[in-house]
Amino acid sequence: MRNNNSSNELDKTDEQIIRLLQKNARLSNKQIAAEVGIEESTCSQRMRKLQRKKIFFGIHTFVDSSKLGTNIEALVAIKLTKNIKDQVEDFKNSMSLLPKVVNIYPLAGQIDFLLYIAVRDKNHLRDFVMDNY
Protein backbone atom coordinates (compact mmCIF):
# COMPACT_ATOMS: atom_id res chain seq x y z
CA MET A 1 0.00 0.00 0.00
CA ARG A 2 3.00 2.28 0.29
CA ASN A 3 3.38 5.02 -2.27
CA ASN A 4 6.85 6.33 -3.14
CA ASN A 5 5.54 9.89 -3.20
CA SER A 6 6.24 11.13 0.35
CA SER A 7 3.25 13.52 0.35
CA ASN A 8 0.91 10.55 -0.27
CA GLU A 9 2.67 8.03 1.94
CA LEU A 10 0.40 6.10 4.25
CA ASP A 11 1.48 4.94 7.65
CA LYS A 12 0.43 1.71 9.37
CA THR A 13 -2.51 3.41 11.07
CA ASP A 14 -3.84 4.71 7.74
CA GLU A 15 -3.44 1.22 6.28
CA GLN A 16 -5.35 -0.30 9.22
CA ILE A 17 -8.19 2.19 8.76
CA ILE A 18 -8.37 1.41 5.03
CA ARG A 19 -8.43 -2.36 5.66
CA LEU A 20 -11.21 -2.00 8.23
CA LEU A 21 -13.29 0.11 5.87
CA GLN A 22 -12.73 -2.33 3.00
CA LYS A 23 -14.17 -5.09 5.17
CA ASN A 24 -17.07 -3.02 6.49
CA ALA A 25 -17.66 0.53 5.23
CA ARG A 26 -20.43 1.02 7.79
CA LEU A 27 -18.12 0.96 10.81
CA SER A 28 -18.50 4.04 12.95
CA ASN A 29 -15.61 6.36 13.68
CA LYS A 30 -15.77 5.16 17.28
CA GLN A 31 -15.45 1.50 16.23
CA ILE A 32 -12.55 2.22 13.89
CA ALA A 33 -10.71 4.30 16.49
CA ALA A 34 -11.08 1.54 19.08
CA GLU A 35 -9.91 -1.15 16.67
CA VAL A 36 -6.89 0.87 15.54
CA GLY A 37 -6.08 2.13 19.03
CA ILE A 38 -6.31 5.89 18.46
CA GLU A 39 -8.53 8.68 19.75
CA GLU A 40 -11.83 9.26 17.94
CA SER A 41 -10.85 12.81 16.96
CA THR A 42 -7.54 11.54 15.51
CA CYS A 43 -9.39 8.82 13.61
CA SER A 44 -11.84 11.35 12.21
CA GLN A 45 -8.99 13.60 11.05
CA ARG A 46 -7.19 10.68 9.39
CA MET A 47 -10.35 9.57 7.58
CA ARG A 48 -10.95 13.11 6.29
CA LYS A 49 -7.34 13.23 5.09
CA LEU A 50 -7.77 9.90 3.26
CA GLN A 51 -10.96 11.18 1.63
CA ARG A 52 -9.28 14.44 0.56
CA LYS A 53 -6.48 12.40 -1.03
CA LYS A 54 -9.17 10.32 -2.75
CA ILE A 55 -7.75 7.15 -1.23
CA PHE A 56 -11.34 6.08 -0.61
CA PHE A 57 -14.70 7.55 -1.47
CA GLY A 58 -18.33 6.50 -1.44
CA ILE A 59 -20.09 3.70 0.34
CA HIS A 60 -21.33 0.72 -1.60
CA THR A 61 -24.19 -1.64 -0.92
CA PHE A 62 -24.31 -5.19 -2.15
CA VAL A 63 -27.85 -6.26 -2.99
CA ASP A 64 -29.33 -9.77 -2.96
CA SER A 65 -30.89 -9.62 -6.42
CA SER A 66 -33.07 -12.68 -5.82
CA LYS A 67 -35.00 -10.73 -3.18
CA LEU A 68 -35.87 -8.23 -5.93
CA GLY A 69 -37.15 -10.89 -8.29
CA THR A 70 -34.03 -10.95 -10.43
CA ASN A 71 -32.75 -14.50 -10.17
CA ILE A 72 -30.16 -14.36 -12.93
CA GLU A 73 -27.16 -12.06 -13.05
CA ALA A 74 -25.15 -12.13 -16.25
CA LEU A 75 -22.26 -10.47 -18.00
CA VAL A 76 -23.03 -9.65 -21.61
CA ALA A 77 -20.07 -8.97 -23.92
CA ILE A 78 -20.58 -6.12 -26.38
CA LYS A 79 -18.56 -5.35 -29.50
CA LEU A 80 -19.44 -2.01 -31.07
CA THR A 81 -19.35 -1.72 -34.85
CA LYS A 82 -17.59 1.65 -34.62
CA ASN A 83 -15.51 3.08 -31.83
CA ILE A 84 -16.23 6.73 -32.47
CA LYS A 85 -16.15 8.72 -29.23
CA ASP A 86 -19.70 10.12 -29.58
CA GLN A 87 -21.15 6.70 -30.39
CA VAL A 88 -19.33 5.10 -27.46
CA GLU A 89 -20.71 7.77 -25.12
CA ASP A 90 -24.21 7.38 -26.59
CA PHE A 91 -24.01 3.62 -26.04
CA LYS A 92 -22.86 4.01 -22.42
CA ASN A 93 -25.56 6.58 -21.71
CA SER A 94 -28.36 4.53 -23.29
CA MET A 95 -27.29 1.34 -21.48
CA SER A 96 -27.07 3.13 -18.13
CA LEU A 97 -30.74 4.13 -18.51
CA LEU A 98 -31.90 0.52 -18.78
CA PRO A 99 -33.19 -0.69 -15.41
CA LYS A 100 -31.75 -4.19 -15.84
CA VAL A 101 -28.19 -2.90 -16.34
CA VAL A 102 -26.40 -2.95 -12.99
CA ASN A 103 -23.01 -1.81 -14.25
CA ILE A 104 -21.08 -1.13 -17.44
CA TYR A 105 -17.42 -2.13 -17.73
CA PRO A 106 -15.38 -0.67 -20.62
CA LEU A 107 -12.70 -3.03 -21.93
CA ALA A 108 -9.72 -2.89 -24.24
CA GLY A 109 -9.31 -5.51 -26.94
CA GLN A 110 -11.80 -7.47 -29.02
CA ILE A 111 -14.72 -6.76 -26.68
CA ASP A 112 -15.62 -3.13 -26.00
CA PHE A 113 -17.92 -3.49 -22.99
CA LEU A 114 -19.23 -5.95 -20.47
CA LEU A 115 -22.75 -5.24 -19.25
CA TYR A 116 -23.57 -6.63 -15.83
CA ILE A 117 -27.32 -7.22 -15.89
CA ALA A 118 -29.87 -8.67 -13.49
CA VAL A 119 -33.01 -10.29 -14.91
CA ARG A 120 -35.89 -12.51 -13.73
CA ASP A 121 -35.12 -15.69 -15.65
CA LYS A 122 -33.53 -17.12 -18.79
CA ASN A 123 -36.43 -15.94 -20.98
CA HIS A 124 -36.05 -12.41 -19.67
CA LEU A 125 -32.31 -12.62 -20.39
CA ARG A 126 -32.99 -13.71 -23.97
CA ASP A 127 -35.55 -10.94 -24.43
CA PHE A 128 -33.15 -8.35 -22.98
CA VAL A 129 -30.40 -9.37 -25.40
CA MET A 130 -32.70 -9.60 -28.42
CA ASP A 131 -34.42 -6.27 -27.72
CA ASN A 132 -31.22 -4.30 -27.11
CA TYR A 133 -28.75 -5.66 -29.68
C-alpha atoms as a PDB file:
ATOM      1  CA  MET A   1       0.000   0.000   0.000  1.00  0.00           C
ATOM      2  CA  ARG A   2       2.996   2.280   0.288  1.00  0.00           C
ATOM      3  CA  ASN A   3       3.384   5.022  -2.273  1.00  0.00           C
ATOM      4  CA  ASN A   4       6.847   6.326  -3.138  1.00  0.00           C
ATOM      5  CA  ASN A   5       5.536   9.890  -3.202  1.00  0.00           C
ATOM      6  CA  SER A   6       6.235  11.131   0.350  1.00  0.00           C
ATOM      7  CA  SER A   7       3.247  13.521   0.353  1.00  0.00           C
ATOM      8  CA  ASN A   8       0.914  10.553  -0.271  1.00  0.00           C
ATOM      9  CA  GLU A   9       2.670   8.028   1.938  1.00  0.00           C
ATOM     10  CA  LEU A  10       0.403   6.103   4.248  1.00  0.00           C
ATOM     11  CA  ASP A  11       1.484   4.936   7.653  1.00  0.00           C
ATOM     12  CA  LYS A  12       0.429   1.711   9.366  1.00  0.00           C
ATOM     13  CA  THR A  13      -2.512   3.408  11.075  1.00  0.00           C
ATOM     14  CA  ASP A  14      -3.837   4.707   7.745  1.00  0.00           C
ATOM     15  CA  GLU A  15      -3.441   1.221   6.279  1.00  0.00           C
ATOM     16  CA  GLN A  16      -5.346  -0.301   9.221  1.00  0.00           C
ATOM     17  CA  ILE A  17      -8.186   2.190   8.755  1.00  0.00           C
ATOM     18  CA  ILE A  18      -8.372   1.408   5.034  1.00  0.00           C
ATOM     19  CA  ARG A  19      -8.430  -2.365   5.660  1.00  0.00           C
ATOM     20  CA  LEU A  20     -11.208  -2.002   8.228  1.00  0.00           C
ATOM     21  CA  LEU A  21     -13.294   0.110   5.868  1.00  0.00           C
ATOM     22  CA  GLN A  22     -12.730  -2.329   2.997  1.00  0.00           C
ATOM     23  CA  LYS A  23     -14.167  -5.091   5.170  1.00  0.00           C
ATOM     24  CA  ASN A  24     -17.069  -3.017   6.494  1.00  0.00           C
ATOM     25  CA  ALA A  25     -17.664   0.531   5.233  1.00  0.00           C
ATOM     26  CA  ARG A  26     -20.430   1.018   7.792  1.00  0.00           C
ATOM     27  CA  LEU A  27     -18.123   0.961  10.807  1.00  0.00           C
ATOM     28  CA  SER A  28     -18.502   4.040  12.950  1.00  0.00           C
ATOM     29  CA  ASN A  29     -15.610   6.364  13.677  1.00  0.00           C
ATOM     30  CA  LYS A  30     -15.767   5.159  17.284  1.00  0.00           C
ATOM     31  CA  GLN A  31     -15.447   1.499  16.231  1.00  0.00           C
ATOM     32  CA  ILE A  32     -12.551   2.222  13.888  1.00  0.00           C
ATOM     33  CA  ALA A  33     -10.707   4.302  16.493  1.00  0.00           C
ATOM     34  CA  ALA A  34     -11.084   1.537  19.083  1.00  0.00           C
ATOM     35  CA  GLU A  35      -9.912  -1.154  16.672  1.00  0.00           C
ATOM     36  CA  VAL A  36      -6.890   0.866  15.542  1.00  0.00           C
ATOM     37  CA  GLY A  37      -6.079   2.134  19.034  1.00  0.00           C
ATOM     38  CA  ILE A  38      -6.309   5.892  18.464  1.00  0.00           C
ATOM     39  CA  GLU A  39      -8.531   8.682  19.754  1.00  0.00           C
ATOM     40  CA  GLU A  40     -11.829   9.257  17.941  1.00  0.00           C
ATOM     41  CA  SER A  41     -10.845  12.806  16.962  1.00  0.00           C
ATOM     42  CA  THR A  42      -7.543  11.542  15.508  1.00  0.00           C
ATOM     43  CA  CYS A  43      -9.385   8.824  13.607  1.00  0.00           C
ATOM     44  CA  SER A  44     -11.838  11.347  12.206  1.00  0.00           C
ATOM     45  CA  GLN A  45      -8.990  13.602  11.051  1.00  0.00           C
ATOM     46  CA  ARG A  46      -7.191  10.683   9.390  1.00  0.00           C
ATOM     47  CA  MET A  47     -10.354   9.572   7.579  1.00  0.00           C
ATOM     48  CA  ARG A  48     -10.954  13.108   6.291  1.00  0.00           C
ATOM     49  CA  LYS A  49      -7.336  13.226   5.088  1.00  0.00           C
ATOM     50  CA  LEU A  50      -7.773   9.897   3.262  1.00  0.00           C
ATOM     51  CA  GLN A  51     -10.959  11.183   1.633  1.00  0.00           C
ATOM     52  CA  ARG A  52      -9.277  14.438   0.559  1.00  0.00           C
ATOM     53  CA  LYS A  53      -6.476  12.400  -1.032  1.00  0.00           C
ATOM     54  CA  LYS A  54      -9.169  10.317  -2.753  1.00  0.00           C
ATOM     55  CA  ILE A  55      -7.747   7.146  -1.229  1.00  0.00           C
ATOM     56  CA  PHE A  56     -11.339   6.084  -0.614  1.00  0.00           C
ATOM     57  CA  PHE A  57     -14.701   7.553  -1.472  1.00  0.00           C
ATOM     58  CA  GLY A  58     -18.331   6.504  -1.445  1.00  0.00           C
ATOM     59  CA  ILE A  59     -20.091   3.702   0.342  1.00  0.00           C
ATOM     60  CA  HIS A  60     -21.329   0.715  -1.601  1.00  0.00           C
ATOM     61  CA  THR A  61     -24.185  -1.638  -0.916  1.00  0.00           C
ATOM     62  CA  PHE A  62     -24.312  -5.191  -2.155  1.00  0.00           C
ATOM     63  CA  VAL A  63     -27.854  -6.263  -2.990  1.00  0.00           C
ATOM     64  CA  ASP A  64     -29.328  -9.768  -2.962  1.00  0.00           C
ATOM     65  CA  SER A  65     -30.892  -9.621  -6.420  1.00  0.00           C
ATOM     66  CA  SER A  66     -33.066 -12.679  -5.820  1.00  0.00           C
ATOM     67  CA  LYS A  67     -35.003 -10.730  -3.180  1.00  0.00           C
ATOM     68  CA  LEU A  68     -35.874  -8.229  -5.927  1.00  0.00           C
ATOM     69  CA  GLY A  69     -37.154 -10.891  -8.292  1.00  0.00           C
ATOM     70  CA  THR A  70     -34.032 -10.948 -10.431  1.00  0.00           C
ATOM     71  CA  ASN A  71     -32.752 -14.503 -10.166  1.00  0.00           C
ATOM     72  CA  ILE A  72     -30.156 -14.356 -12.933  1.00  0.00           C
ATOM     73  CA  GLU A  73     -27.158 -12.063 -13.046  1.00  0.00           C
ATOM     74  CA  ALA A  74     -25.147 -12.131 -16.254  1.00  0.00           C
ATOM     75  CA  LEU A  75     -22.262 -10.470 -18.002  1.00  0.00           C
ATOM     76  CA  VAL A  76     -23.033  -9.647 -21.613  1.00  0.00           C
ATOM     77  CA  ALA A  77     -20.070  -8.973 -23.917  1.00  0.00           C
ATOM     78  CA  ILE A  78     -20.578  -6.117 -26.381  1.00  0.00           C
ATOM     79  CA  LYS A  79     -18.558  -5.346 -29.502  1.00  0.00           C
ATOM     80  CA  LEU A  80     -19.442  -2.011 -31.072  1.00  0.00           C
ATOM     81  CA  THR A  81     -19.352  -1.720 -34.851  1.00  0.00           C
ATOM     82  CA  LYS A  82     -17.586   1.650 -34.625  1.00  0.00           C
ATOM     83  CA  ASN A  83     -15.513   3.084 -31.828  1.00  0.00           C
ATOM     84  CA  ILE A  84     -16.229   6.727 -32.465  1.00  0.00           C
ATOM     85  CA  LYS A  85     -16.152   8.723 -29.234  1.00  0.00           C
ATOM     86  CA  ASP A  86     -19.698  10.118 -29.581  1.00  0.00           C
ATOM     87  CA  GLN A  87     -21.152   6.704 -30.393  1.00  0.00           C
ATOM     88  CA  VAL A  88     -19.332   5.104 -27.465  1.00  0.00           C
ATOM     89  CA  GLU A  89     -20.714   7.771 -25.123  1.00  0.00           C
ATOM     90  CA  ASP A  90     -24.207   7.382 -26.592  1.00  0.00           C
ATOM     91  CA  PHE A  91     -24.009   3.623 -26.038  1.00  0.00           C
ATOM     92  CA  LYS A  92     -22.857   4.005 -22.420  1.00  0.00           C
ATOM     93  CA  ASN A  93     -25.564   6.584 -21.713  1.00  0.00           C
ATOM     94  CA  SER A  94     -28.356   4.530 -23.292  1.00  0.00           C
ATOM     95  CA  MET A  95     -27.292   1.344 -21.480  1.00  0.00           C
ATOM     96  CA  SER A  96     -27.072   3.128 -18.130  1.00  0.00           C
ATOM     97  CA  LEU A  97     -30.738   4.127 -18.510  1.00  0.00           C
ATOM     98  CA  LEU A  98     -31.905   0.516 -18.780  1.00  0.00           C
ATOM     99  CA  PRO A  99     -33.189  -0.688 -15.405  1.00  0.00           C
ATOM    100  CA  LYS A 100     -31.749  -4.192 -15.837  1.00  0.00           C
ATOM    101  CA  VAL A 101     -28.189  -2.896 -16.337  1.00  0.00           C
ATOM    102  CA  VAL A 102     -26.403  -2.948 -12.989  1.00  0.00           C
ATOM    103  CA  ASN A 103     -23.008  -1.806 -14.248  1.00  0.00           C
ATOM    104  CA  ILE A 104     -21.075  -1.134 -17.441  1.00  0.00           C
ATOM    105  CA  TYR A 105     -17.416  -2.126 -17.734  1.00  0.00           C
ATOM    106  CA  PRO A 106     -15.382  -0.668 -20.617  1.00  0.00           C
ATOM    107  CA  LEU A 107     -12.699  -3.026 -21.932  1.00  0.00           C
ATOM    108  CA  ALA A 108      -9.723  -2.894 -24.239  1.00  0.00           C
ATOM    109  CA  GLY A 109      -9.305  -5.508 -26.938  1.00  0.00           C
ATOM    110  CA  GLN A 110     -11.796  -7.472 -29.023  1.00  0.00           C
ATOM    111  CA  ILE A 111     -14.720  -6.759 -26.676  1.00  0.00           C
ATOM    112  CA  ASP A 112     -15.621  -3.125 -25.996  1.00  0.00           C
ATOM    113  CA  PHE A 113     -17.923  -3.489 -22.988  1.00  0.00           C
ATOM    114  CA  LEU A 114     -19.233  -5.954 -20.465  1.00  0.00           C
ATOM    115  CA  LEU A 115     -22.746  -5.242 -19.252  1.00  0.00           C
ATOM    116  CA  TYR A 116     -23.569  -6.630 -15.833  1.00  0.00           C
ATOM    117  CA  ILE A 117     -27.315  -7.222 -15.891  1.00  0.00           C
ATOM    118  CA  ALA A 118     -29.867  -8.667 -13.486  1.00  0.00           C
ATOM    119  CA  VAL A 119     -33.013 -10.294 -14.909  1.00  0.00           C
ATOM    120  CA  ARG A 120     -35.891 -12.510 -13.734  1.00  0.00           C
ATOM    121  CA  ASP A 121     -35.122 -15.689 -15.649  1.00  0.00           C
ATOM    122  CA  LYS A 122     -33.527 -17.124 -18.791  1.00  0.00           C
ATOM    123  CA  ASN A 123     -36.427 -15.942 -20.976  1.00  0.00           C
ATOM    124  CA  HIS A 124     -36.047 -12.409 -19.669  1.00  0.00           C
ATOM    125  CA  LEU A 125     -32.310 -12.617 -20.387  1.00  0.00           C
ATOM    126  CA  ARG A 126     -32.985 -13.714 -23.969  1.00  0.00           C
ATOM    127  CA  ASP A 127     -35.549 -10.942 -24.427  1.00  0.00           C
ATOM    128  CA  PHE A 128     -33.145  -8.347 -22.978  1.00  0.00           C
ATOM    129  CA  VAL A 129     -30.401  -9.374 -25.399  1.00  0.00           C
ATOM    130  CA  MET A 130     -32.700  -9.596 -28.421  1.00  0.00           C
ATOM    131  CA  ASP A 131     -34.417  -6.268 -27.718  1.00  0.00           C
ATOM    132  CA  ASN A 132     -31.222  -4.305 -27.105  1.00  0.00           C
ATOM    133  CA  TYR A 133     -28.754  -5.661 -29.684  1.00  0.00           C
END
